[in-house]
């Protein structure tokens, strides 16, 4: 997945706006997982907001580089949303590059399952989230790739920086 960006020559920095996008992605992922776990009790929204605030406080206190901050976010999202895998990919030199993974990695060339789907790619380029509750039979995705990587459901949410797409959380 490649995105044209005026920031291609600059190393992206995890700024406040990008962090807010990641937190929004966490919330969307939590809602998705809640809808899949109908029999389980839904998470208390105040607990979710407390977790988000804790992640933000942790990142503000620590002097982390981009990769380390993305890893903290991926690790916390994994436990927060109950996923089996989370990846954070950023656009570097015009290409989507996975900078952090937590849980079971998808190990996909191009660093993203969504990047192998024209529909998902177009949604992400337009700043919209992409979700599939059954990735192994969703014709919008590469079904074989999803089966090969044992991906049951998938959400990809774009990360925006200064009004441009800077990467995605999957």
Protein backbone atom coordinates (compact mmCIF):
# COMPACT_ATOMS: atom_id res chain seq x y z
CA UNK A 1 0.00 0.00 0.00
CA UNK A 2 1.58 3.30 -0.97
CA UNK A 3 0.28 6.74 -0.23
CA UNK A 4 1.61 9.88 -1.85
CA UNK A 5 2.62 12.26 0.89
CA UNK A 6 4.34 15.58 1.08
CA UNK A 7 5.99 14.28 4.26
CA UNK A 8 7.74 11.35 2.56
CA UNK A 9 11.25 12.68 3.17
CA UNK A 10 10.64 13.42 6.85
CA UNK A 11 10.51 10.77 9.51
CA UNK A 12 6.96 10.81 10.94
CA UNK A 13 6.68 11.85 14.56
CA UNK A 14 3.95 10.55 16.83
CA UNK A 15 2.30 13.88 17.57
CA UNK A 16 -0.86 14.69 19.55
CA UNK A 17 -3.08 14.37 16.47
CA UNK A 18 -1.67 10.97 15.53
CA UNK A 19 -2.05 9.82 19.11
CA UNK A 20 -5.69 10.93 19.14
CA UNK A 21 -6.25 8.93 15.93
CA UNK A 22 -4.79 5.85 17.62
CA UNK A 23 -7.09 6.33 20.59
CA UNK A 24 -10.06 6.70 18.26
CA UNK A 25 -9.00 3.46 16.58
CA UNK A 26 -8.90 1.76 19.99
CA UNK A 27 -12.44 2.87 20.65
CA UNK A 28 -13.65 1.61 17.24
CA UNK A 29 -11.88 -1.71 17.78
CA UNK A 30 -13.43 -2.05 21.24
CA UNK A 31 -16.90 -1.44 19.80
CA UNK A 32 -16.25 -4.04 17.10
CA UNK A 33 -15.11 -6.65 19.60
CA UNK A 34 -18.09 -5.91 21.82
CA UNK A 35 -20.42 -6.59 18.91
CA UNK A 36 -18.66 -9.94 18.28
CA UNK A 37 -18.96 -10.96 21.94
CA UNK A 38 -22.73 -10.74 22.28
CA UNK A 39 -22.82 -13.18 25.21
CA UNK A 40 -20.08 -11.40 27.12
CA UNK A 41 -20.75 -8.36 29.20
CA UNK A 42 -19.83 -5.17 27.37
CA UNK A 43 -16.94 -3.15 28.71
CA UNK A 44 -17.71 -0.19 30.86
CA UNK A 45 -17.01 2.95 28.84
CA UNK A 46 -15.52 4.72 31.86
CA UNK A 47 -12.99 1.87 32.21
CA UNK A 48 -12.12 2.21 28.52
CA UNK A 49 -11.63 5.96 28.85
CA UNK A 50 -9.46 5.43 31.93
CA UNK A 51 -7.27 3.00 29.96
CA UNK A 52 -6.97 5.49 27.10
CA UNK A 53 -6.00 8.25 29.53
CA UNK A 54 -3.42 5.93 31.11
CA UNK A 55 -1.86 5.16 27.71
CA UNK A 56 -1.68 8.87 26.97
CA UNK A 57 -0.08 9.62 30.36
CA UNK A 58 2.46 6.82 29.88
CA UNK A 59 3.51 8.16 26.50
CA UNK A 60 3.78 11.73 27.76
CA UNK A 61 5.96 10.72 30.72
CA UNK A 62 8.32 8.52 28.76
CA UNK A 63 10.88 9.87 26.33
CA UNK A 64 10.21 7.33 23.57
CA UNK A 65 11.16 7.34 19.93
CA UNK A 66 8.49 6.71 17.32
CA UNK A 67 8.93 2.92 17.22
CA UNK A 68 8.92 2.55 21.00
CA UNK A 69 5.81 4.72 21.35
CA UNK A 70 4.06 2.72 18.62
CA UNK A 71 5.02 -0.51 20.42
CA UNK A 72 3.53 0.74 23.69
CA UNK A 73 0.33 1.61 21.85
CA UNK A 74 0.19 -1.78 20.06
CA UNK A 75 0.77 -3.68 23.31
CA UNK A 76 -1.86 -1.73 25.22
CA UNK A 77 -4.40 -1.96 22.38
CA UNK A 78 -3.93 -5.73 22.27
CA UNK A 79 -4.97 -6.13 25.90
CA UNK A 80 -7.54 -3.34 25.79
CA UNK A 81 -9.55 -4.71 22.89
CA UNK A 82 -8.95 -8.42 23.36
CA UNK A 83 -7.49 -8.91 19.87
CA UNK A 84 -5.07 -11.68 18.95
CA UNK A 85 -2.87 -9.26 17.01
CA UNK A 86 -2.39 -5.52 16.53
CA UNK A 87 -0.07 -3.77 14.11
CA UNK A 88 0.81 -0.11 13.71
CA UNK A 89 2.09 0.84 10.27
CA UNK A 90 3.32 4.25 9.19
CA UNK A 91 4.10 5.67 5.79
CA UNK A 92 7.86 5.91 5.42
CA UNK A 93 9.40 7.05 2.16
CA UNK A 94 6.03 6.64 0.44
CA UNK A 95 5.51 3.02 1.54
CA UNK A 96 3.51 1.53 4.37
CA UNK A 97 5.96 0.12 6.92
CA UNK A 98 5.00 -1.83 10.03
CA UNK A 99 6.69 -0.12 12.98
CA UNK A 100 5.09 -2.12 15.82
CA UNK A 101 3.26 -5.40 16.32
CA UNK A 102 1.80 -7.07 19.35
CA UNK A 103 0.28 -10.51 19.74
CA UNK A 104 0.21 -12.81 16.73
CA UNK A 105 1.74 -10.97 13.78
CA UNK A 106 0.10 -11.36 10.38
CA UNK A 107 3.51 -11.56 8.63
CA UNK A 108 2.13 -10.07 5.43
CA UNK A 109 4.34 -8.62 2.72
CA UNK A 110 3.50 -4.93 2.58
CA UNK A 111 2.93 -5.05 6.36
CA UNK A 112 -0.86 -4.88 6.22
CA UNK A 113 -3.74 -7.18 5.33
CA UNK A 114 -5.79 -4.13 4.37
CA UNK A 115 -3.15 -3.07 1.85
CA UNK A 116 -3.97 -6.21 -0.15
CA UNK A 117 -7.56 -5.05 -0.64
CA UNK A 118 -8.51 -2.34 -3.11
CA UNK A 119 -11.70 -1.56 -1.17
CA UNK A 120 -9.89 -1.30 2.17
CA UNK A 121 -7.10 0.77 0.63
CA UNK A 122 -9.57 3.23 -0.90
CA UNK A 123 -11.45 3.59 2.39
CA UNK A 124 -8.22 4.19 4.27
CA UNK A 125 -7.03 6.75 1.71
CA UNK A 126 -10.31 8.58 2.27
CA UNK A 127 -9.76 8.57 6.04
CA UNK A 128 -12.43 5.95 6.74
CA UNK A 129 -12.07 2.84 8.86
CA UNK A 130 -12.45 -0.58 7.26
CA UNK A 131 -13.91 -3.54 9.12
CA UNK A 132 -14.83 -7.11 8.38
CA UNK A 133 -16.41 -9.40 10.95
CA UNK A 134 -15.60 -12.51 8.85
CA UNK A 135 -12.34 -11.88 7.02
CA UNK A 136 -12.03 -15.49 5.83
CA UNK A 137 -15.11 -15.21 3.63
CA UNK A 138 -15.26 -11.45 2.94
CA UNK A 139 -14.82 -10.95 -0.82
CA UNK A 140 -13.54 -7.42 -0.18
CA UNK A 141 -10.36 -8.96 1.25
CA UNK A 142 -7.79 -11.46 0.04
CA UNK A 143 -9.64 -14.46 1.51
CA UNK A 144 -6.72 -16.83 0.95
CA UNK A 145 -4.34 -14.50 2.76
CA UNK A 146 -6.77 -14.14 5.68
CA UNK A 147 -7.18 -17.94 5.91
CA UNK A 148 -3.43 -18.49 5.66
CA UNK A 149 -2.87 -16.07 8.56
CA UNK A 150 -5.88 -17.30 10.58
CA UNK A 151 -7.48 -13.85 10.59
CA UNK A 152 -11.07 -14.15 11.77
CA UNK A 153 -12.06 -10.50 11.77
CA UNK A 154 -10.24 -7.34 10.77
CA UNK A 155 -10.43 -3.65 11.47
CA UNK A 156 -8.06 -1.16 9.89
CA UNK A 157 -8.19 2.45 10.99
CA UNK A 158 -6.16 5.24 9.34
CA UNK A 159 -3.77 7.39 11.33
CA UNK A 160 -3.87 11.01 10.27
CA UNK A 161 -1.14 13.55 10.81
CA UNK A 162 -1.55 17.18 9.86
CA UNK A 163 -4.63 16.32 7.79
CA UNK A 164 -2.87 13.60 5.77
CA UNK A 165 -2.90 9.83 6.08
CA UNK A 166 0.25 8.87 7.97
CA UNK A 167 -0.40 5.14 8.45
CA UNK A 168 -2.88 2.70 9.95
CA UNK A 169 -3.68 0.57 12.94
CA UNK A 170 -4.89 -2.93 12.08
